[in-house]
PDB file of N, CA and C in Angstrom:
ATOM      1  N   UNK A   1      56.783 138.361  29.170  1.00  0.00           N
ATOM      2  CA  UNK A   1      56.091 138.719  30.329  1.00  0.00           C
ATOM      3  C   UNK A   1      56.619 138.042  31.818  1.00  0.00           C
ATOM      4  N   UNK A   2      56.314 138.773  32.976  1.00  0.00           N
ATOM      5  CA  UNK A   2      56.662 138.009  34.008  1.00  0.00           C
ATOM      6  C   UNK A   2      55.430 137.494  34.615  1.00  0.00           C
ATOM      7  N   UNK A   3      55.952 136.226  35.138  1.00  0.00           N
ATOM      8  CA  UNK A   3      55.647 134.909  36.010  1.00  0.00           C
ATOM      9  C   UNK A   3      54.328 135.183  36.799  1.00  0.00           C
ATOM     10  N   UNK A   4      54.609 137.061  37.243  1.00  0.00           N
ATOM     11  CA  UNK A   4      53.754 137.203  38.106  1.00  0.00           C
ATOM     12  C   UNK A   4      52.290 137.538  37.538  1.00  0.00           C
ATOM     13  N   UNK A   5      52.348 138.086  36.580  1.00  0.00           N
ATOM     14  CA  UNK A   5      51.346 138.615  35.748  1.00  0.00           C
ATOM     15  C   UNK A   5      50.895 137.364  35.372  1.00  0.00           C
ATOM     16  N   UNK A   6      51.222 135.891  34.287  1.00  0.00           N
ATOM     17  CA  UNK A   6      50.661 135.653  34.309  1.00  0.00           C
ATOM     18  C   UNK A   6      49.974 134.574  34.847  1.00  0.00           C
ATOM     19  N   UNK A   7      50.251 134.215  36.050  1.00  0.00           N
ATOM     20  CA  UNK A   7      49.204 134.078  37.443  1.00  0.00           C
ATOM     21  C   UNK A   7      48.226 134.427  37.383  1.00  0.00           C
ATOM     22  N   UNK A   8      48.115 135.876  37.462  1.00  0.00           N
ATOM     23  CA  UNK A   8      47.131 136.556  38.088  1.00  0.00           C
ATOM     24  C   UNK A   8      46.323 136.863  36.914  1.00  0.00           C
ATOM     25  N   UNK A   9      46.375 136.629  35.536  1.00  0.00           N
ATOM     26  CA  UNK A   9      45.416 136.219  34.443  1.00  0.00           C
ATOM     27  C   UNK A   9      44.990 134.667  34.300  1.00  0.00           C
ATOM     28  N   UNK A  10      45.899 134.089  34.498  1.00  0.00           N
ATOM     29  CA  UNK A  10      45.544 133.042  34.299  1.00  0.00           C
ATOM     30  C   UNK A  10      44.056 131.976  35.120  1.00  0.00           C
ATOM     31  N   UNK A  11      44.204 133.143  36.303  1.00  0.00           N
ATOM     32  CA  UNK A  11      43.439 132.925  38.063  1.00  0.00           C
ATOM     33  C   UNK A  11      42.307 132.417  37.390  1.00  0.00           C
ATOM     34  N   UNK A  12      41.745 133.752  36.576  1.00  0.00           N
ATOM     35  CA  UNK A  12      40.217 134.023  36.686  1.00  0.00           C
ATOM     36  C   UNK A  12      39.699 133.001  36.160  1.00  0.00           C
ATOM     37  N   UNK A  13      40.876 132.052  35.167  1.00  0.00           N
ATOM     38  CA  UNK A  13      40.310 130.544  34.253  1.00  0.00           C
ATOM     39  C   UNK A  13      39.809 129.818  34.899  1.00  0.00           C
ATOM     40  N   UNK A  14      38.826 128.694  34.216  1.00  0.00           N
ATOM     41  CA  UNK A  14      38.894 127.530  35.273  1.00  0.00           C
ATOM     42  C   UNK A  14      39.993 126.393  35.352  1.00  0.00           C
ATOM     43  N   UNK A  15      40.285 125.114  36.113  1.00  0.00           N
ATOM     44  CA  UNK A  15      41.833 124.456  35.965  1.00  0.00           C
ATOM     45  C   UNK A  15      41.483 123.683  34.899  1.00  0.00           C
ATOM     46  N   UNK A  16      40.579 123.312  34.790  1.00  0.00           N
ATOM     47  CA  UNK A  16      40.528 122.922  33.202  1.00  0.00           C
ATOM     48  C   UNK A  16      41.282 123.468  32.106  1.00  0.00           C
ATOM     49  N   UNK A  17      40.694 124.736  31.784  1.00  0.00           N
ATOM     50  CA  UNK A  17      41.131 125.239  30.539  1.00  0.00           C
ATOM     51  C   UNK A  17      42.315 125.818  30.945  1.00  0.00           C
ATOM     52  N   UNK A  18      42.858 126.440  32.106  1.00  0.00           N
ATOM     53  CA  UNK A  18      44.185 126.128  32.175  1.00  0.00           C
ATOM     54  C   UNK A  18      44.985 125.154  32.200  1.00  0.00           C
ATOM     55  N   UNK A  19      44.848 124.087  32.430  1.00  0.00           N
ATOM     56  CA  UNK A  19      45.802 122.688  31.704  1.00  0.00           C
ATOM     57  C   UNK A  19      45.731 122.793  30.138  1.00  0.00           C
ATOM     58  N   UNK A  20      44.818 122.834  29.639  1.00  0.00           N
ATOM     59  CA  UNK A  20      44.473 122.596  28.155  1.00  0.00           C
ATOM     60  C   UNK A  20      45.325 123.756  27.088  1.00  0.00           C
ATOM     61  N   UNK A  21      45.107 125.019  27.380  1.00  0.00           N
ATOM     62  CA  UNK A  21      45.605 126.330  26.904  1.00  0.00           C
ATOM     63  C   UNK A  21      46.500 127.090  28.183  1.00  0.00           C
ATOM     64  N   UNK A  22      46.265 126.866  29.087  1.00  0.00           N
ATOM     65  CA  UNK A  22      47.202 127.909  29.491  1.00  0.00           C
ATOM     66  C   UNK A  22      48.892 128.256  29.213  1.00  0.00           C
ATOM     67  N   UNK A  23      49.698 127.256  28.842  1.00  0.00           N
ATOM     68  CA  UNK A  23      50.625 127.635  27.947  1.00  0.00           C
ATOM     69  C   UNK A  23      50.749 128.002  26.849  1.00  0.00           C
ATOM     70  N   UNK A  24      49.769 127.799  26.355  1.00  0.00           N
ATOM     71  CA  UNK A  24      49.309 128.295  24.991  1.00  0.00           C
ATOM     72  C   UNK A  24      49.178 130.026  24.943  1.00  0.00           C
ATOM     73  N   UNK A  25      48.650 130.751  26.159  1.00  0.00           N
ATOM     74  CA  UNK A  25      48.114 131.627  26.654  1.00  0.00           C
ATOM     75  C   UNK A  25      48.964 132.647  26.791  1.00  0.00           C
ATOM     76  N   UNK A  26      50.074 131.709  27.435  1.00  0.00           N
ATOM     77  CA  UNK A  26      51.298 132.623  28.338  1.00  0.00           C
ATOM     78  C   UNK A  26      52.172 132.775  26.691  1.00  0.00           C
ATOM     79  N   UNK A  27      52.440 131.843  25.986  1.00  0.00           N
ATOM     80  CA  UNK A  27      53.670 131.812  25.195  1.00  0.00           C
ATOM     81  C   UNK A  27      52.927 133.054  23.887  1.00  0.00           C
ATOM     82  N   UNK A  28      51.139 133.006  23.671  1.00  0.00           N
ATOM     83  CA  UNK A  28      51.328 133.935  22.695  1.00  0.00           C
ATOM     84  C   UNK A  28      51.265 135.612  23.866  1.00  0.00           C
ATOM     85  N   UNK A  29      51.084 135.636  24.829  1.00  0.00           N
ATOM     86  CA  UNK A  29      50.808 136.950  25.818  1.00  0.00           C
ATOM     87  C   UNK A  29      52.755 137.629  25.521  1.00  0.00           C
ATOM     88  N   UNK A  30      53.516 136.411  26.079  1.00  0.00           N
ATOM     89  CA  UNK A  30      54.899 136.367  26.060  1.00  0.00           C
ATOM     90  C   UNK A  30      55.250 137.239  24.241  1.00  0.00           C
ATOM     91  N   UNK A  31      54.860 136.249  23.589  1.00  0.00           N
ATOM     92  CA  UNK A  31      55.301 136.989  22.001  1.00  0.00           C
ATOM     93  C   UNK A  31      55.434 138.319  21.359  1.00  0.00           C
ATOM     94  N   UNK A  32      53.660 138.520  22.098  1.00  0.00           N
ATOM     95  CA  UNK A  32      52.971 139.821  21.980  1.00  0.00           C
ATOM     96  C   UNK A  32      53.826 141.346  22.712  1.00  0.00           C
ATOM     97  N   UNK A  33      54.195 140.976  24.165  1.00  0.00           N
ATOM     98  CA  UNK A  33      54.010 141.968  24.857  1.00  0.00           C
ATOM     99  C   UNK A  33      55.406 141.736  25.426  1.00  0.00           C
ATOM    100  N   UNK A  34      56.570 140.590  25.522  1.00  0.00           N
ATOM    101  CA  UNK A  34      58.061 140.506  25.735  1.00  0.00           C
ATOM    102  C   UNK A  34      58.101 140.421  27.073  1.00  0.00           C
ATOM    103  N   UNK A  35      58.538 141.486  27.876  1.00  0.00           N
ATOM    104  CA  UNK A  35      59.045 141.255  29.317  1.00  0.00           C
ATOM    105  C   UNK A  35      58.317 142.796  29.704  1.00  0.00           C
ATOM    106  N   UNK A  36      57.631 143.352  28.967  1.00  0.00           N
ATOM    107  CA  UNK A  36      56.446 144.560  29.790  1.00  0.00           C
ATOM    108  C   UNK A  36      56.204 143.985  30.202  1.00  0.00           C
ATOM    109  N   UNK A  37      55.147 144.909  31.743  1.00  0.00           N
ATOM    110  CA  UNK A  37      53.890 144.415  32.180  1.00  0.00           C
ATOM    111  C   UNK A  37      52.808 144.525  31.432  1.00  0.00           C
ATOM    112  N   UNK A  38      51.925 144.132  31.137  1.00  0.00           N
ATOM    113  CA  UNK A  38      50.313 143.532  30.454  1.00  0.00           C
ATOM    114  C   UNK A  38      49.741 145.298  30.584  1.00  0.00           C
ATOM    115  N   UNK A  39      49.661 145.381  29.625  1.00  0.00           N
ATOM    116  CA  UNK A  39      48.729 146.984  29.900  1.00  0.00           C
ATOM    117  C   UNK A  39      47.489 146.476  30.287  1.00  0.00           C
ATOM    118  N   UNK A  40      46.629 147.252  30.833  1.00  0.00           N
ATOM    119  CA  UNK A  40      45.518 146.939  31.239  1.00  0.00           C
ATOM    120  C   UNK A  40      44.146 147.028  30.020  1.00  0.00           C
ATOM    121  N   UNK A  41      44.540 147.396  28.912  1.00  0.00           N
ATOM    122  CA  UNK A  41      43.714 146.951  28.042  1.00  0.00           C
ATOM    123  C   UNK A  41      43.734 145.812  27.433  1.00  0.00           C
ATOM    124  N   UNK A  42      44.900 144.786  27.477  1.00  0.00           N
ATOM    125  CA  UNK A  42      45.062 143.782  27.531  1.00  0.00           C
ATOM    126  C   UNK A  42      44.301 142.703  28.940  1.00  0.00           C
ATOM    127  N   UNK A  43      44.550 142.977  29.868  1.00  0.00           N
ATOM    128  CA  UNK A  43      44.084 142.429  31.483  1.00  0.00           C
ATOM    129  C   UNK A  43      43.010 142.329  31.051  1.00  0.00           C
ATOM    130  N   UNK A  44      41.846 143.121  31.217  1.00  0.00           N
ATOM    131  CA  UNK A  44      40.723 143.181  31.432  1.00  0.00           C
ATOM    132  C   UNK A  44      39.812 142.587  30.479  1.00  0.00           C
ATOM    133  N   UNK A  45      40.567 142.360  29.175  1.00  0.00           N
ATOM    134  CA  UNK A  45      39.441 141.713  28.453  1.00  0.00           C
ATOM    135  C   UNK A  45      39.650 139.970  28.589  1.00  0.00           C
ATOM    136  N   UNK A  46      40.645 139.466  28.930  1.00  0.00           N
ATOM    137  CA  UNK A  46      40.965 138.342  29.412  1.00  0.00           C
ATOM    138  C   UNK A  46      40.758 137.916  30.752  1.00  0.00           C
ATOM    139  N   UNK A  47      40.478 139.108  31.863  1.00  0.00           N
ATOM    140  CA  UNK A  47      39.347 138.704  32.864  1.00  0.00           C
ATOM    141  C   UNK A  47      38.360 138.569  32.068  1.00  0.00           C
ATOM    142  N   UNK A  48      37.646 139.007  31.764  1.00  0.00           N
ATOM    143  CA  UNK A  48      36.628 139.210  31.636  1.00  0.00           C
ATOM    144  C   UNK A  48      35.895 137.608  30.473  1.00  0.00           C
ATOM    145  N   UNK A  49      37.150 136.852  29.734  1.00  0.00           N
ATOM    146  CA  UNK A  49      36.853 136.211  28.916  1.00  0.00           C
ATOM    147  C   UNK A  49      37.326 135.293  30.121  1.00  0.00           C
ATOM    148  N   UNK A  50      38.061 135.149  31.139  1.00  0.00           N
ATOM    149  CA  UNK A  50      37.997 134.269  32.272  1.00  0.00           C
ATOM    150  C   UNK A  50      36.862 134.134  32.988  1.00  0.00           C
ATOM    151  N   UNK A  51      35.956 134.805  33.158  1.00  0.00           N
ATOM    152  CA  UNK A  51      34.937 134.642  33.670  1.00  0.00           C
ATOM    153  C   UNK A  51      33.971 134.484  32.978  1.00  0.00           C
ATOM    154  N   UNK A  52      33.740 134.559  32.026  1.00  0.00           N
ATOM    155  CA  UNK A  52      33.194 134.328  30.460  1.00  0.00           C
ATOM    156  C   UNK A  52      32.981 132.500  30.531  1.00  0.00           C
ATOM    157  N   UNK A  53      34.291 131.628  30.636  1.00  0.00           N
ATOM    158  CA  UNK A  53      34.911 130.239  31.282  1.00  0.00           C
ATOM    159  C   UNK A  53      34.436 130.124  32.055  1.00  0.00           C
ATOM    160  N   UNK A  54      34.230 130.719  33.062  1.00  0.00           N
ATOM    161  CA  UNK A  54      33.904 129.849  33.981  1.00  0.00           C
ATOM    162  C   UNK A  54      32.012 129.951  34.147  1.00  0.00           C
ATOM    163  N   UNK A  55      31.870 131.019  33.835  1.00  0.00           N
ATOM    164  CA  UNK A  55      30.056 130.853  33.516  1.00  0.00           C
ATOM    165  C   UNK A  55      29.559 129.351  33.192  1.00  0.00           C
ATOM    166  N   UNK A  56      30.365 129.657  31.480  1.00  0.00           N
ATOM    167  CA  UNK A  56      29.957 128.076  30.803  1.00  0.00           C
ATOM    168  C   UNK A  56      30.131 126.787  31.435  1.00  0.00           C
ATOM    169  N   UNK A  57      31.588 126.940  32.723  1.00  0.00           N
ATOM    170  CA  UNK A  57      31.547 125.357  33.342  1.00  0.00           C
ATOM    171  C   UNK A  57      30.251 125.127  34.099  1.00  0.00           C
ATOM    172  N   UNK A  58      29.659 126.757  34.655  1.00  0.00           N
ATOM    173  CA  UNK A  58      28.695 126.495  35.773  1.00  0.00           C
ATOM    174  C   UNK A  58      26.875 125.713  34.663  1.00  0.00           C
ATOM    175  N   UNK A  59      27.224 126.549  33.048  1.00  0.00           N
ATOM    176  CA  UNK A  59      25.648 125.904  32.595  1.00  0.00           C
ATOM    177  C   UNK A  59      25.762 124.398  32.581  1.00  0.00           C
ATOM    178  N   UNK A  60      27.502 123.802  32.569  1.00  0.00           N
ATOM    179  CA  UNK A  60      27.546 122.150  32.186  1.00  0.00           C
ATOM    180  C   UNK A  60      26.929 121.604  33.508  1.00  0.00           C
ATOM    181  N   UNK A  61      26.522 122.236  34.867  1.00  0.00           N
ATOM    182  CA  UNK A  61      26.278 121.356  35.990  1.00  0.00           C
ATOM    183  C   UNK A  61      25.210 122.954  36.673  1.00  0.00           C
ATOM    184  N   UNK A  62      23.883 122.807  35.752  1.00  0.00           N
ATOM    185  CA  UNK A  62      23.086 123.712  36.649  1.00  0.00           C
ATOM    186  C   UNK A  62      22.096 123.413  37.774  1.00  0.00           C
ATOM    187  N   UNK A  63      21.249 124.186  38.354  1.00  0.00           N
ATOM    188  CA  UNK A  63      20.923 123.451  39.547  1.00  0.00           C
ATOM    189  C   UNK A  63      21.626 122.646  40.622  1.00  0.00           C
ATOM    190  N   UNK A  64      22.682 123.657  40.849  1.00  0.00           N
ATOM    191  CA  UNK A  64      23.213 122.906  42.018  1.00  0.00           C
ATOM    192  C   UNK A  64      23.099 123.683  43.411  1.00  0.00           C
ATOM    193  N   UNK A  65      24.334 123.383  44.191  1.00  0.00           N
ATOM    194  CA  UNK A  65      23.942 124.370  45.322  1.00  0.00           C
ATOM    195  C   UNK A  65      24.887 125.439  44.856  1.00  0.00           C
ATOM    196  N   UNK A  66      26.219 125.304  44.831  1.00  0.00           N
ATOM    197  CA  UNK A  66      27.171 125.903  44.562  1.00  0.00           C
ATOM    198  C   UNK A  66      26.633 127.222  43.042  1.00  0.00           C
ATOM    199  N   UNK A  67      26.114 126.684  42.129  1.00  0.00           N
ATOM    200  CA  UNK A  67      25.777 127.748  41.428  1.00  0.00           C
ATOM    201  C   UNK A  67      24.780 128.530  42.354  1.00  0.00           C
ATOM    202  N   UNK A  68      23.966 128.035  42.755  1.00  0.00           N
ATOM    203  CA  UNK A  68      23.291 128.613  44.095  1.00  0.00           C
ATOM    204  C   UNK A  68      23.838 129.563  44.562  1.00  0.00           C
ATOM    205  N   UNK A  69      24.732 129.510  45.245  1.00  0.00           N
ATOM    206  CA  UNK A  69      25.840 130.022  46.413  1.00  0.00           C
ATOM    207  C   UNK A  69      26.544 130.978  45.633  1.00  0.00           C
ATOM    208  N   UNK A  70      27.073 130.902  44.142  1.00  0.00           N
ATOM    209  CA  UNK A  70      27.724 132.149  43.518  1.00  0.00           C
ATOM    210  C   UNK A  70      26.696 132.904  43.153  1.00  0.00           C
ATOM    211  N   UNK A  71      26.085 132.412  42.388  1.00  0.00           N
ATOM    212  CA  UNK A  71      24.790 133.613  41.884  1.00  0.00           C
ATOM    213  C   UNK A  71      24.491 133.994  42.918  1.00  0.00           C
ATOM    214  N   UNK A  72      24.235 133.755  44.558  1.00  0.00           N
ATOM    215  CA  UNK A  72      23.800 135.068  45.359  1.00  0.00           C
ATOM    216  C   UNK A  72      25.435 135.603  45.613  1.00  0.00           C
ATOM    217  N   UNK A  73      26.680 135.121  45.886  1.00  0.00           N
ATOM    218  CA  UNK A  73      27.496 135.884  46.079  1.00  0.00           C
ATOM    219  C   UNK A  73      27.754 137.285  45.044  1.00  0.00           C
ATOM    220  N   UNK A  74      27.482 137.040  43.659  1.00  0.00           N
ATOM    221  CA  UNK A  74      27.318 137.629  42.934  1.00  0.00           C
ATOM    222  C   UNK A  74      26.144 138.762  42.939  1.00  0.00           C
ATOM    223  N   UNK A  75      25.478 138.820  42.729  1.00  0.00           N
ATOM    224  CA  UNK A  75      24.398 139.479  42.989  1.00  0.00           C
ATOM    225  C   UNK A  75      24.489 140.353  44.663  1.00  0.00           C
ATOM    226  N   UNK A  76      24.650 139.672  45.791  1.00  0.00           N
ATOM    227  CA  UNK A  76      24.458 140.906  47.075  1.00  0.00           C
ATOM    228  C   UNK A  76      26.242 141.421  46.233  1.00  0.00           C
ATOM    229  N   UNK A  77      26.950 140.894  46.022  1.00  0.00           N
ATOM    230  CA  UNK A  77      28.340 141.865  45.828  1.00  0.00           C
ATOM    231  C   UNK A  77      27.493 143.494  45.165  1.00  0.00           C
ATOM    232  N   UNK A  78      26.969 143.315  43.435  1.00  0.00           N
ATOM    233  CA  UNK A  78      26.085 144.150  43.343  1.00  0.00           C
ATOM    234  C   UNK A  78      25.447 145.421  43.802  1.00  0.00           C
ATOM    235  N   UNK A  79      24.458 144.510  44.658  1.00  0.00           N
ATOM    236  CA  UNK A  79      23.838 145.426  46.197  1.00  0.00           C
ATOM    237  C   UNK A  79      24.519 145.750  47.004  1.00  0.00           C
ATOM    238  N   UNK A  80      25.465 144.945  47.706  1.00  0.00           N
ATOM    239  CA  UNK A  80      25.910 146.207  48.352  1.00  0.00           C
ATOM    240  C   UNK A  80      26.821 146.782  47.984  1.00  0.00           C
ATOM    241  N   UNK A  81      27.487 146.249  46.708  1.00  0.00           N
ATOM    242  CA  UNK A  81      28.461 147.963  46.007  1.00  0.00           C
ATOM    243  C   UNK A  81      27.576 149.053  45.861  1.00  0.00           C
ATOM    244  N   UNK A  82      26.834 148.928  45.662  1.00  0.00           N
ATOM    245  CA  UNK A  82      25.906 150.182  44.937  1.00  0.00           C
ATOM    246  C   UNK A  82      25.869 150.609  46.045  1.00  0.00           C
ATOM    247  N   UNK A  83      24.823 150.158  47.292  1.00  0.00           N
ATOM    248  CA  UNK A  83      24.151 150.633  48.223  1.00  0.00           C
ATOM    249  C   UNK A  83      25.087 151.356  48.789  1.00  0.00           C
ATOM    250  N   UNK A  84      26.458 150.898  49.126  1.00  0.00           N
ATOM    251  CA  UNK A  84      27.917 151.130  50.190  1.00  0.00           C
ATOM    252  C   UNK A  84      28.309 152.381  49.311  1.00  0.00           C
ATOM    253  N   UNK A  85      28.295 152.617  48.028  1.00  0.00           N
ATOM    254  CA  UNK A  85      28.702 153.380  47.387  1.00  0.00           C
ATOM    255  C   UNK A  85      27.750 155.054  47.235  1.00  0.00           C
ATOM    256  N   UNK A  86      26.461 154.621  47.023  1.00  0.00           N
ATOM    257  CA  UNK A  86      25.218 155.653  46.608  1.00  0.00           C
ATOM    258  C   UNK A  86      24.630 156.028  47.890  1.00  0.00           C
ATOM    259  N   UNK A  87      24.065 155.317  48.798  1.00  0.00           N
ATOM    260  CA  UNK A  87      23.420 155.213  49.961  1.00  0.00           C
ATOM    261  C   UNK A  87      24.118 156.076  51.126  1.00  0.00           C
ATOM    262  N   UNK A  88      23.100 156.837  51.852  1.00  0.00           N
ATOM    263  CA  UNK A  88      23.092 156.974  53.375  1.00  0.00           C
ATOM    264  C   UNK A  88      23.974 156.172  54.344  1.00  0.00           C
ATOM    265  N   UNK A  89      23.679 156.731  55.234  1.00  0.00           N
ATOM    266  CA  UNK A  89      24.226 155.665  56.581  1.00  0.00           C
ATOM    267  C   UNK A  89      23.416 154.497  57.000  1.00  0.00           C
ATOM    268  N   UNK A  90      22.306 155.478  57.199  1.00  0.00           N
ATOM    269  CA  UNK A  90      21.063 154.508  57.825  1.00  0.00           C
ATOM    270  C   UNK A  90      20.660 153.225  56.590  1.00  0.00           C
ATOM    271  N   UNK A  91      20.727 153.703  55.592  1.00  0.00           N
ATOM    272  CA  UNK A  91      20.490 152.907  54.915  1.00  0.00           C
ATOM    273  C   UNK A  91      21.481 151.760  54.745  1.00  0.00           C
ATOM    274  N   UNK A  92      23.013 152.142  54.195  1.00  0.00           N
ATOM    275  CA  UNK A  92      24.178 151.342  54.211  1.00  0.00           C
ATOM    276  C   UNK A  92      24.279 150.663  55.618  1.00  0.00           C
ATOM    277  N   UNK A  93      23.631 150.979  56.519  1.00  0.00           N
ATOM    278  CA  UNK A  93      23.122 149.988  58.201  1.00  0.00           C
ATOM    279  C   UNK A  93      22.315 148.929  58.010  1.00  0.00           C
ATOM    280  N   UNK A  94      21.043 149.496  57.285  1.00  0.00           N
ATOM    281  CA  UNK A  94      20.331 148.414  57.133  1.00  0.00           C
ATOM    282  C   UNK A  94      20.219 147.218  56.263  1.00  0.00           C
ATOM    283  N   UNK A  95      21.017 147.748  54.989  1.00  0.00           N
ATOM    284  CA  UNK A  95      21.413 146.316  54.198  1.00  0.00           C
ATOM    285  C   UNK A  95      22.217 145.665  54.800  1.00  0.00           C
ATOM    286  N   UNK A  96      23.346 146.336  55.146  1.00  0.00           N
ATOM    287  CA  UNK A  96      24.201 145.357  55.863  1.00  0.00           C
ATOM    288  C   UNK A  96      23.494 144.372  57.125  1.00  0.00           C
ATOM    289  N   UNK A  97      23.170 144.953  58.026  1.00  0.00           N
ATOM    290  CA  UNK A  97      22.276 143.691  58.999  1.00  0.00           C
ATOM    291  C   UNK A  97      21.421 142.591  58.506  1.00  0.00           C
ATOM    292  N   UNK A  98      20.768 143.313  57.107  1.00  0.00           N
ATOM    293  CA  UNK A  98      20.069 142.171  56.387  1.00  0.00           C
ATOM    294  C   UNK A  98      20.306 141.129  55.810  1.00  0.00           C
ATOM    295  N   UNK A  99      21.953 141.610  55.154  1.00  0.00           N
ATOM    296  CA  UNK A  99      23.250 140.750  54.660  1.00  0.00           C
ATOM    297  C   UNK A  99      23.534 139.691  55.377  1.00  0.00           C
ATOM    298  N   UNK A 100      23.889 140.385  56.891  1.00  0.00           N
ATOM    299  CA  UNK A 100      24.346 139.619  57.579  1.00  0.00           C
ATOM    300  C   UNK A 100      23.567 138.085  58.278  1.00  0.00           C
ATOM    301  N   UNK A 101      21.614 138.703  58.708  1.00  0.00           N
ATOM    302  CA  UNK A 101      20.744 137.990  58.524  1.00  0.00           C
ATOM    303  C   UNK A 101      20.946 136.831  57.548  1.00  0.00           C
ATOM    304  N   UNK A 102      21.006 137.520  56.500  1.00  0.00           N
ATOM    305  CA  UNK A 102      20.954 135.917  55.185  1.00  0.00           C
ATOM    306  C   UNK A 102      22.134 135.334  54.812  1.00  0.00           C
ATOM    307  N   UNK A 103      23.490 136.147  55.306  1.00  0.00           N
ATOM    308  CA  UNK A 103      24.810 135.070  55.618  1.00  0.00           C
ATOM    309  C   UNK A 103      24.560 134.053  56.726  1.00  0.00           C
ATOM    310  N   UNK A 104      24.081 134.692  57.600  1.00  0.00           N
ATOM    311  CA  UNK A 104      23.580 133.621  59.016  1.00  0.00           C
ATOM    312  C   UNK A 104      23.063 132.477  58.318  1.00  0.00           C
ATOM    313  N   UNK A 105      21.370 132.865  57.751  1.00  0.00           N
ATOM    314  CA  UNK A 105      21.048 131.468  56.885  1.00  0.00           C
ATOM    315  C   UNK A 105      21.135 130.183  55.897  1.00  0.00           C
ATOM    316  N   UNK A 106      22.331 131.418  54.888  1.00  0.00           N
ATOM    317  CA  UNK A 106      22.804 130.832  54.056  1.00  0.00           C
ATOM    318  C   UNK A 106      23.989 129.427  54.823  1.00  0.00           C
ATOM    319  N   UNK A 107      25.021 130.320  55.544  1.00  0.00           N
ATOM    320  CA  UNK A 107      25.697 129.316  56.351  1.00  0.00           C
ATOM    321  C   UNK A 107      25.006 128.150  57.244  1.00  0.00           C
ATOM    322  N   UNK A 108      24.086 128.125  57.928  1.00  0.00           N
ATOM    323  CA  UNK A 108      23.629 127.274  58.515  1.00  0.00           C
ATOM    324  C   UNK A 108      23.038 126.631  57.459  1.00  0.00           C
ATOM    325  N   UNK A 109      21.933 126.635  56.129  1.00  0.00           N
ATOM    326  CA  UNK A 109      21.913 125.249  55.812  1.00  0.00           C
ATOM    327  C   UNK A 109      23.234 124.796  54.687  1.00  0.00           C
ATOM    328  N   UNK A 110      24.486 125.378  54.329  1.00  0.00           N
ATOM    329  CA  UNK A 110      25.339 124.858  53.644  1.00  0.00           C
ATOM    330  C   UNK A 110      25.754 123.951  55.113  1.00  0.00           C
ATOM    331  N   UNK A 111      26.302 124.309  56.088  1.00  0.00           N
ATOM    332  CA  UNK A 111      26.254 123.069  57.113  1.00  0.00           C
ATOM    333  C   UNK A 111      25.853 121.611  57.405  1.00  0.00           C
ATOM    334  N   UNK A 112      23.914 122.161  57.423  1.00  0.00           N
ATOM    335  CA  UNK A 112      23.456 121.094  57.449  1.00  0.00           C
ATOM    336  C   UNK A 112      23.320 120.137  55.761  1.00  0.00           C
ATOM    337  N   UNK A 113      23.963 121.285  55.109  1.00  0.00           N
ATOM    338  CA  UNK A 113      24.000 120.275  53.565  1.00  0.00           C
ATOM    339  C   UNK A 113      25.080 118.698  53.852  1.00  0.00           C
ATOM    340  N   UNK A 114      25.845 119.437  54.495  1.00  0.00           N
ATOM    341  CA  UNK A 114      27.075 119.068  54.800  1.00  0.00           C
ATOM    342  C   UNK A 114      27.075 117.634  55.671  1.00  0.00           C
ATOM    343  N   UNK A 115      26.284 118.135  57.265  1.00  0.00           N
ATOM    344  CA  UNK A 115      26.317 117.664  58.468  1.00  0.00           C
ATOM    345  C   UNK A 115      25.249 116.272  58.320  1.00  0.00           C
ATOM    346  N   UNK A 116      24.047 116.972  57.793  1.00  0.00           N
ATOM    347  CA  UNK A 116      22.404 115.689  58.031  1.00  0.00           C
ATOM    348  C   UNK A 116      22.765 114.958  56.762  1.00  0.00           C
ATOM    349  N   UNK A 117      22.653 113.701  56.538  1.00  0.00           N
ATOM    350  CA  UNK A 117      22.228 112.688  55.257  1.00  0.00           C
ATOM    351  C   UNK A 117      20.953 113.360  54.394  1.00  0.00           C
ATOM    352  N   UNK A 118      21.377 112.997  53.238  1.00  0.00           N
ATOM    353  CA  UNK A 118      19.851 113.620  52.438  1.00  0.00           C
ATOM    354  C   UNK A 118      18.500 112.596  52.483  1.00  0.00           C
ATOM    355  N   UNK A 119      17.282 112.958  52.147  1.00  0.00           N
ATOM    356  CA  UNK A 119      16.288 111.992  52.941  1.00  0.00           C
ATOM    357  C   UNK A 119      16.127 110.397  51.968  1.00  0.00           C
ATOM    358  N   UNK A 120      15.877 109.825  52.460  1.00  0.00           N
ATOM    359  CA  UNK A 120      15.224 108.588  51.323  1.00  0.00           C
ATOM    360  C   UNK A 120      14.487 108.881  50.694  1.00  0.00           C
ATOM    361  N   UNK A 121      15.017 108.148  49.782  1.00  0.00           N
ATOM    362  CA  UNK A 121      13.260 108.171  48.706  1.00  0.00           C
ATOM    363  C   UNK A 121      11.916 107.205  49.540  1.00  0.00           C
ATOM    364  N   UNK A 122      11.058 108.102  48.877  1.00  0.00           N
ATOM    365  CA  UNK A 122       9.851 107.689  49.924  1.00  0.00           C
ATOM    366  C   UNK A 122       9.240 106.306  48.881  1.00  0.00           C
ATOM    367  N   UNK A 123       8.818 105.233  49.587  1.00  0.00           N
ATOM    368  CA  UNK A 123       7.740 104.354  49.047  1.00  0.00           C
ATOM    369  C   UNK A 123       6.257 104.048  49.290  1.00  0.00           C
ATOM    370  N   UNK A 124       6.076 103.571  48.700  1.00  0.00           N
ATOM    371  CA  UNK A 124       4.460 104.070  48.828  1.00  0.00           C
ATOM    372  C   UNK A 124       3.948 103.141  49.896  1.00  0.00           C
ATOM    373  N   UNK A 125       2.705 103.151  50.621  1.00  0.00           N
ATOM    374  CA  UNK A 125       2.412 103.006  51.749  1.00  0.00           C
ATOM    375  C   UNK A 125       1.980 101.751  51.646  1.00  0.00           C
ATOM    376  N   UNK A 126       2.160 100.930  52.488  1.00  0.00           N
ATOM    377  CA  UNK A 126       1.559  99.684  52.124  1.00  0.00           C
ATOM    378  C   UNK A 126       0.651  99.729  52.400  1.00  0.00           C
ATOM    379  N   UNK A 127      -0.708  99.187  51.966  1.00  0.00           N
ATOM    380  CA  UNK A 127      -2.328  98.971  52.188  1.00  0.00           C
ATOM    381  C   UNK A 127      -3.012  97.696  52.598  1.00  0.00           C
ATOM    382  N   UNK A 128      -2.095  97.201  52.966  1.00  0.00           N
ATOM    383  CA  UNK A 128      -2.432  95.832  53.364  1.00  0.00           C
ATOM    384  C   UNK A 128      -3.605  94.857  52.944  1.00  0.00           C
ATOM    385  N   UNK A 129      -3.967  95.302  51.834  1.00  0.00           N
ATOM    386  CA  UNK A 129      -4.436  94.375  50.765  1.00  0.00           C
ATOM    387  C   UNK A 129      -4.202  92.817  50.868  1.00  0.00           C
TER     388      UNK A 129
END
């Protein structure tokens, strides 16, 4: 298997997974396919498995802004792909403008999360008794 194919396949997997299993996967693919280019029927399941490993990694740290952002990106990708392949020009324009507004809001919130410190925990009010 050529090194370029190996990089492309391994890119779909999380870094920790690549460090632990990457060389084994490359060796197995090399033994199976030699110097031939990886067929599509082999590459697609590897891409799917890599994405599943990334999703499993996200389940270990749920409720984070990163998870939210990735989820939003996936949902928007599906919506925009569907709209841009099946809808007319007016609908495409409407969705593009709506997405642009959402993206500006998301970017603003992301910058604010980095720039501004989190709020201090509340303490009970002094009752004076």
